[in-house]
Amino acid sequence: MKKTLSTYFYEEAPELLRAEVYQDENGIGILFFKGDTVFNEERYKGKSVKYVEDAAENWALGIKKL
């Protein structure tokens, strides 16, 4: 079961962009949304929650490209 740890979003895009950092039995990951639709997912094996949250925030700020 996925537990959401944090959410980052960018409201000024043509549609809402959102990144949800989650943890499940397999580790930590990010779900990337455009509107209400998941368009990408990344898993981060062996990385800290802080590292993954930074990646999610960087995407929401336009620094990280997918």
PDB file of N, CA and C in Angstrom:
ATOM      1  N   MET A   1       0.841  -1.186   0.000  1.00  0.00           N
ATOM      2  CA  MET A   1       0.000   0.000   0.000  1.00  0.00           C
ATOM      3  C   MET A   1       0.884   1.247   0.000  1.00  0.00           C
ATOM      4  N   LYS A   2       0.558   2.208  -0.860  1.00  0.00           N
ATOM      5  CA  LYS A   2       1.333   3.434  -0.959  1.00  0.00           C
ATOM      6  C   LYS A   2       0.886   4.441   0.088  1.00  0.00           C
ATOM      7  N   LYS A   3       1.860   5.015   0.769  1.00  0.00           N
ATOM      8  CA  LYS A   3       1.610   6.075   1.738  1.00  0.00           C
ATOM      9  C   LYS A   3       2.236   7.353   1.194  1.00  0.00           C
ATOM     10  N   THR A   4       1.428   8.390   0.972  1.00  0.00           N
ATOM     11  CA  THR A   4       1.941   9.663   0.472  1.00  0.00           C
ATOM     12  C   THR A   4       2.697  10.369   1.587  1.00  0.00           C
ATOM     13  N   LEU A   5       3.946  10.749   1.295  1.00  0.00           N
ATOM     14  CA  LEU A   5       4.784  11.435   2.271  1.00  0.00           C
ATOM     15  C   LEU A   5       4.735  12.950   2.087  1.00  0.00           C
ATOM     16  N   SER A   6       4.680  13.415   0.825  1.00  0.00           N
ATOM     17  CA  SER A   6       4.636  14.851   0.549  1.00  0.00           C
ATOM     18  C   SER A   6       4.140  15.073  -0.876  1.00  0.00           C
ATOM     19  N   THR A   7       3.681  16.295  -1.128  1.00  0.00           N
ATOM     20  CA  THR A   7       3.156  16.666  -2.435  1.00  0.00           C
ATOM     21  C   THR A   7       3.722  18.023  -2.835  1.00  0.00           C
ATOM     22  N   TYR A   8       4.132  18.124  -4.094  1.00  0.00           N
ATOM     23  CA  TYR A   8       4.652  19.371  -4.657  1.00  0.00           C
ATOM     24  C   TYR A   8       3.839  19.670  -5.915  1.00  0.00           C
ATOM     25  N   PHE A   9       3.555  20.936  -6.162  1.00  0.00           N
ATOM     26  CA  PHE A   9       2.750  21.262  -7.336  1.00  0.00           C
ATOM     27  C   PHE A   9       3.150  22.594  -7.935  1.00  0.00           C
ATOM     28  N   TYR A  10       2.748  22.763  -9.203  1.00  0.00           N
ATOM     29  CA  TYR A  10       2.990  23.988  -9.951  1.00  0.00           C
ATOM     30  C   TYR A  10       1.661  24.401 -10.553  1.00  0.00           C
ATOM     31  N   GLU A  11       1.086  25.473 -10.047  1.00  0.00           N
ATOM     32  CA  GLU A  11      -0.259  25.892 -10.444  1.00  0.00           C
ATOM     33  C   GLU A  11      -0.284  26.765 -11.688  1.00  0.00           C
ATOM     34  N   GLU A  12       0.842  27.352 -12.082  1.00  0.00           N
ATOM     35  CA  GLU A  12       0.836  28.319 -13.168  1.00  0.00           C
ATOM     36  C   GLU A  12       0.980  27.692 -14.546  1.00  0.00           C
ATOM     37  N   ALA A  13       1.101  26.383 -14.635  1.00  0.00           N
ATOM     38  CA  ALA A  13       1.148  25.701 -15.928  1.00  0.00           C
ATOM     39  C   ALA A  13      -0.267  25.686 -16.516  1.00  0.00           C
ATOM     40  N   PRO A  14      -0.399  25.397 -17.818  1.00  0.00           N
ATOM     41  CA  PRO A  14      -1.736  25.323 -18.430  1.00  0.00           C
ATOM     42  C   PRO A  14      -2.663  24.347 -17.699  1.00  0.00           C
ATOM     43  N   GLU A  15      -2.094  23.286 -17.146  1.00  0.00           N
ATOM     44  CA  GLU A  15      -2.857  22.380 -16.290  1.00  0.00           C
ATOM     45  C   GLU A  15      -2.030  22.133 -15.031  1.00  0.00           C
ATOM     46  N   LEU A  16      -2.687  21.789 -13.952  1.00  0.00           N
ATOM     47  CA  LEU A  16      -1.992  21.586 -12.684  1.00  0.00           C
ATOM     48  C   LEU A  16      -0.970  20.465 -12.806  1.00  0.00           C
ATOM     49  N   LEU A  17       0.260  20.742 -12.456  1.00  0.00           N
ATOM     50  CA  LEU A  17       1.318  19.733 -12.393  1.00  0.00           C
ATOM     51  C   LEU A  17       1.559  19.404 -10.928  1.00  0.00           C
ATOM     52  N   ARG A  18       1.604  18.112 -10.616  1.00  0.00           N
ATOM     53  CA  ARG A  18       1.738  17.690  -9.219  1.00  0.00           C
ATOM     54  C   ARG A  18       2.680  16.490  -9.142  1.00  0.00           C
ATOM     55  N   ALA A  19       3.507  16.469  -8.109  1.00  0.00           N
ATOM     56  CA  ALA A  19       4.391  15.340  -7.835  1.00  0.00           C
ATOM     57  C   ALA A  19       4.113  14.860  -6.418  1.00  0.00           C
ATOM     58  N   GLU A  20       3.817  13.573  -6.283  1.00  0.00           N
ATOM     59  CA  GLU A  20       3.552  12.990  -4.968  1.00  0.00           C
ATOM     60  C   GLU A  20       4.664  12.014  -4.623  1.00  0.00           C
ATOM     61  N   VAL A  21       5.352  12.278  -3.529  1.00  0.00           N
ATOM     62  CA  VAL A  21       6.368  11.379  -3.009  1.00  0.00           C
ATOM     63  C   VAL A  21       5.655  10.352  -2.140  1.00  0.00           C
ATOM     64  N   TYR A  22       5.946   9.076  -2.401  1.00  0.00           N
ATOM     65  CA  TYR A  22       5.271   8.015  -1.645  1.00  0.00           C
ATOM     66  C   TYR A  22       6.278   6.973  -1.186  1.00  0.00           C
ATOM     67  N   GLN A  23       5.834   6.186  -0.225  1.00  0.00           N
ATOM     68  CA  GLN A  23       6.616   5.053   0.245  1.00  0.00           C
ATOM     69  C   GLN A  23       5.700   3.848   0.277  1.00  0.00           C
ATOM     70  N   ASP A  24       6.208   2.717  -0.170  1.00  0.00           N
ATOM     71  CA  ASP A  24       5.466   1.465  -0.092  1.00  0.00           C
ATOM     72  C   ASP A  24       6.426   0.360   0.335  1.00  0.00           C
ATOM     73  N   GLU A  25       5.986  -0.877   0.252  1.00  0.00           N
ATOM     74  CA  GLU A  25       6.810  -1.993   0.711  1.00  0.00           C
ATOM     75  C   GLU A  25       8.082  -2.163  -0.128  1.00  0.00           C
ATOM     76  N   ASN A  26       8.140  -1.545  -1.303  1.00  0.00           N
ATOM     77  CA  ASN A  26       9.310  -1.653  -2.182  1.00  0.00           C
ATOM     78  C   ASN A  26      10.240  -0.450  -2.113  1.00  0.00           C
ATOM     79  N   GLY A  27       9.929   0.540  -1.301  1.00  0.00           N
ATOM     80  CA  GLY A  27      10.795   1.707  -1.163  1.00  0.00           C
ATOM     81  C   GLY A  27      10.083   3.021  -1.421  1.00  0.00           C
ATOM     82  N   ILE A  28      10.830   3.993  -1.937  1.00  0.00           N
ATOM     83  CA  ILE A  28      10.332   5.362  -2.129  1.00  0.00           C
ATOM     84  C   ILE A  28      10.246   5.660  -3.620  1.00  0.00           C
ATOM     85  N   GLY A  29       9.233   6.437  -3.994  1.00  0.00           N
ATOM     86  CA  GLY A  29       9.084   6.826  -5.390  1.00  0.00           C
ATOM     87  C   GLY A  29       8.308   8.124  -5.524  1.00  0.00           C
ATOM     88  N   ILE A  30       8.154   8.554  -6.772  1.00  0.00           N
ATOM     89  CA  ILE A  30       7.392   9.760  -7.088  1.00  0.00           C
ATOM     90  C   ILE A  30       6.397   9.428  -8.191  1.00  0.00           C
ATOM     91  N   LEU A  31       5.162   9.865  -8.012  1.00  0.00           N
ATOM     92  CA  LEU A  31       4.163   9.843  -9.070  1.00  0.00           C
ATOM     93  C   LEU A  31       4.054  11.260  -9.606  1.00  0.00           C
ATOM     94  N   PHE A  32       4.161  11.420 -10.914  1.00  0.00           N
ATOM     95  CA  PHE A  32       4.055  12.725 -11.561  1.00  0.00           C
ATOM     96  C   PHE A  32       2.703  12.810 -12.261  1.00  0.00           C
ATOM     97  N   PHE A  33       1.960  13.876 -11.979  1.00  0.00           N
ATOM     98  CA  PHE A  33       0.622  14.067 -12.520  1.00  0.00           C
ATOM     99  C   PHE A  33       0.560  15.294 -13.416  1.00  0.00           C
ATOM    100  N   LYS A  34      -0.255  15.203 -14.453  1.00  0.00           N
ATOM    101  CA  LYS A  34      -0.721  16.361 -15.221  1.00  0.00           C
ATOM    102  C   LYS A  34      -2.229  16.340 -15.043  1.00  0.00           C
ATOM    103  N   GLY A  35      -2.762  17.358 -14.377  1.00  0.00           N
ATOM    104  CA  GLY A  35      -4.168  17.312 -13.995  1.00  0.00           C
ATOM    105  C   GLY A  35      -4.344  16.177 -13.005  1.00  0.00           C
ATOM    106  N   ASP A  36      -5.289  15.283 -13.284  1.00  0.00           N
ATOM    107  CA  ASP A  36      -5.520  14.139 -12.397  1.00  0.00           C
ATOM    108  C   ASP A  36      -4.931  12.847 -12.938  1.00  0.00           C
ATOM    109  N   THR A  37      -4.126  12.938 -13.997  1.00  0.00           N
ATOM    110  CA  THR A  37      -3.599  11.757 -14.664  1.00  0.00           C
ATOM    111  C   THR A  37      -2.118  11.565 -14.380  1.00  0.00           C
ATOM    112  N   VAL A  38      -1.750  10.359 -13.956  1.00  0.00           N
ATOM    113  CA  VAL A  38      -0.336  10.027 -13.764  1.00  0.00           C
ATOM    114  C   VAL A  38       0.294   9.869 -15.140  1.00  0.00           C
ATOM    115  N   PHE A  39       1.387  10.590 -15.403  1.00  0.00           N
ATOM    116  CA  PHE A  39       2.051  10.458 -16.689  1.00  0.00           C
ATOM    117  C   PHE A  39       3.452   9.867 -16.560  1.00  0.00           C
ATOM    118  N   ASN A  40       3.965   9.775 -15.329  1.00  0.00           N
ATOM    119  CA  ASN A  40       5.285   9.185 -15.130  1.00  0.00           C
ATOM    120  C   ASN A  40       5.431   8.760 -13.674  1.00  0.00           C
ATOM    121  N   GLU A  41       6.293   7.785 -13.456  1.00  0.00           N
ATOM    122  CA  GLU A  41       6.617   7.334 -12.103  1.00  0.00           C
ATOM    123  C   GLU A  41       8.097   7.016 -12.062  1.00  0.00           C
ATOM    124  N   GLU A  42       8.740   7.400 -10.968  1.00  0.00           N
ATOM    125  CA  GLU A  42      10.151   7.090 -10.771  1.00  0.00           C
ATOM    126  C   GLU A  42      10.317   6.445  -9.409  1.00  0.00           C
ATOM    127  N   ARG A  43      11.161   5.406  -9.360  1.00  0.00           N
ATOM    128  CA  ARG A  43      11.506   4.738  -8.102  1.00  0.00           C
ATOM    129  C   ARG A  43      12.932   5.142  -7.733  1.00  0.00           C
ATOM    130  N   TYR A  44      13.225   5.242  -6.448  1.00  0.00           N
ATOM    131  CA  TYR A  44      14.534   5.674  -5.966  1.00  0.00           C
ATOM    132  C   TYR A  44      15.051   4.673  -4.942  1.00  0.00           C
ATOM    133  N   LYS A  45      15.610   3.590  -5.422  1.00  0.00           N
ATOM    134  CA  LYS A  45      16.151   2.563  -4.542  1.00  0.00           C
ATOM    135  C   LYS A  45      17.406   3.076  -3.850  1.00  0.00           C
ATOM    136  N   GLY A  46      17.436   2.947  -2.540  1.00  0.00           N
ATOM    137  CA  GLY A  46      18.611   3.318  -1.767  1.00  0.00           C
ATOM    138  C   GLY A  46      18.779   4.808  -1.506  1.00  0.00           C
ATOM    139  N   LYS A  47      17.818   5.636  -1.901  1.00  0.00           N
ATOM    140  CA  LYS A  47      17.909   7.085  -1.686  1.00  0.00           C
ATOM    141  C   LYS A  47      17.097   7.483  -0.457  1.00  0.00           C
ATOM    142  N   SER A  48      17.482   8.593   0.156  1.00  0.00           N
ATOM    143  CA  SER A  48      16.766   9.088   1.334  1.00  0.00           C
ATOM    144  C   SER A  48      15.469   9.787   0.922  1.00  0.00           C
ATOM    145  N   VAL A  49      14.583   9.948   1.871  1.00  0.00           N
ATOM    146  CA  VAL A  49      13.329  10.675   1.628  1.00  0.00           C
ATOM    147  C   VAL A  49      13.653  12.102   1.204  1.00  0.00           C
ATOM    148  N   LYS A  50      14.619  12.735   1.826  1.00  0.00           N
ATOM    149  CA  LYS A  50      15.017  14.109   1.478  1.00  0.00           C
ATOM    150  C   LYS A  50      15.459  14.196   0.019  1.00  0.00           C
ATOM    151  N   TYR A  51      16.262  13.251  -0.430  1.00  0.00           N
ATOM    152  CA  TYR A  51      16.731  13.232  -1.815  1.00  0.00           C
ATOM    153  C   TYR A  51      15.541  13.155  -2.778  1.00  0.00           C
ATOM    154  N   VAL A  52      14.604  12.272  -2.498  1.00  0.00           N
ATOM    155  CA  VAL A  52      13.443  12.086  -3.372  1.00  0.00           C
ATOM    156  C   VAL A  52      12.533  13.317  -3.328  1.00  0.00           C
ATOM    157  N   GLU A  53      12.346  13.892  -2.153  1.00  0.00           N
ATOM    158  CA  GLU A  53      11.542  15.113  -2.055  1.00  0.00           C
ATOM    159  C   GLU A  53      12.186  16.261  -2.831  1.00  0.00           C
ATOM    160  N   ASP A  54      13.501  16.357  -2.796  1.00  0.00           N
ATOM    161  CA  ASP A  54      14.202  17.383  -3.581  1.00  0.00           C
ATOM    162  C   ASP A  54      13.963  17.182  -5.075  1.00  0.00           C
ATOM    163  N   ALA A  55      13.979  15.939  -5.539  1.00  0.00           N
ATOM    164  CA  ALA A  55      13.722  15.648  -6.951  1.00  0.00           C
ATOM    165  C   ALA A  55      12.303  16.055  -7.333  1.00  0.00           C
ATOM    166  N   ALA A  56      11.331  15.760  -6.475  1.00  0.00           N
ATOM    167  CA  ALA A  56       9.939  16.135  -6.742  1.00  0.00           C
ATOM    168  C   ALA A  56       9.782  17.649  -6.780  1.00  0.00           C
ATOM    169  N   GLU A  57      10.391  18.339  -5.837  1.00  0.00           N
ATOM    170  CA  GLU A  57      10.316  19.800  -5.802  1.00  0.00           C
ATOM    171  C   GLU A  57      10.999  20.412  -7.029  1.00  0.00           C
ATOM    172  N   ASN A  58      12.150  19.867  -7.414  1.00  0.00           N
ATOM    173  CA  ASN A  58      12.850  20.376  -8.591  1.00  0.00           C
ATOM    174  C   ASN A  58      12.005  20.233  -9.850  1.00  0.00           C
ATOM    175  N   TRP A  59      11.271  19.132  -9.974  1.00  0.00           N
ATOM    176  CA  TRP A  59      10.390  18.974 -11.126  1.00  0.00           C
ATOM    177  C   TRP A  59       9.276  20.020 -11.092  1.00  0.00           C
ATOM    178  N   ALA A  60       8.672  20.210  -9.931  1.00  0.00           N
ATOM    179  CA  ALA A  60       7.586  21.185  -9.809  1.00  0.00           C
ATOM    180  C   ALA A  60       8.071  22.603 -10.123  1.00  0.00           C
ATOM    181  N   LEU A  61       9.337  22.898  -9.832  1.00  0.00           N
ATOM    182  CA  LEU A  61       9.903  24.222 -10.109  1.00  0.00           C
ATOM    183  C   LEU A  61      10.417  24.362 -11.538  1.00  0.00           C
ATOM    184  N   GLY A  62      10.405  23.277 -12.307  1.00  0.00           N
ATOM    185  CA  GLY A  62      10.863  23.320 -13.690  1.00  0.00           C
ATOM    186  C   GLY A  62      12.341  23.047 -13.866  1.00  0.00           C
ATOM    187  N   ILE A  63      13.028  22.672 -12.801  1.00  0.00           N
ATOM    188  CA  ILE A  63      14.468  22.388 -12.867  1.00  0.00           C
ATOM    189  C   ILE A  63      14.706  20.986 -13.430  1.00  0.00           C
ATOM    190  N   LYS A  64      13.973  20.020 -12.907  1.00  0.00           N
ATOM    191  CA  LYS A  64      14.095  18.620 -13.361  1.00  0.00           C
ATOM    192  C   LYS A  64      13.179  18.423 -14.562  1.00  0.00           C
ATOM    193  N   LYS A  65      13.747  17.881 -15.643  1.00  0.00           N
ATOM    194  CA  LYS A  65      12.975  17.629 -16.861  1.00  0.00           C
ATOM    195  C   LYS A  65      12.649  16.149 -16.961  1.00  0.00           C
ATOM    196  N   LEU A  66      11.460  15.858 -17.429  1.00  0.00           N
ATOM    197  CA  LEU A  66      11.063  14.457 -17.663  1.00  0.00           C
ATOM    198  C   LEU A  66      10.852  14.239 -19.138  1.00  0.00           C
TER     199      LEU A  66
END
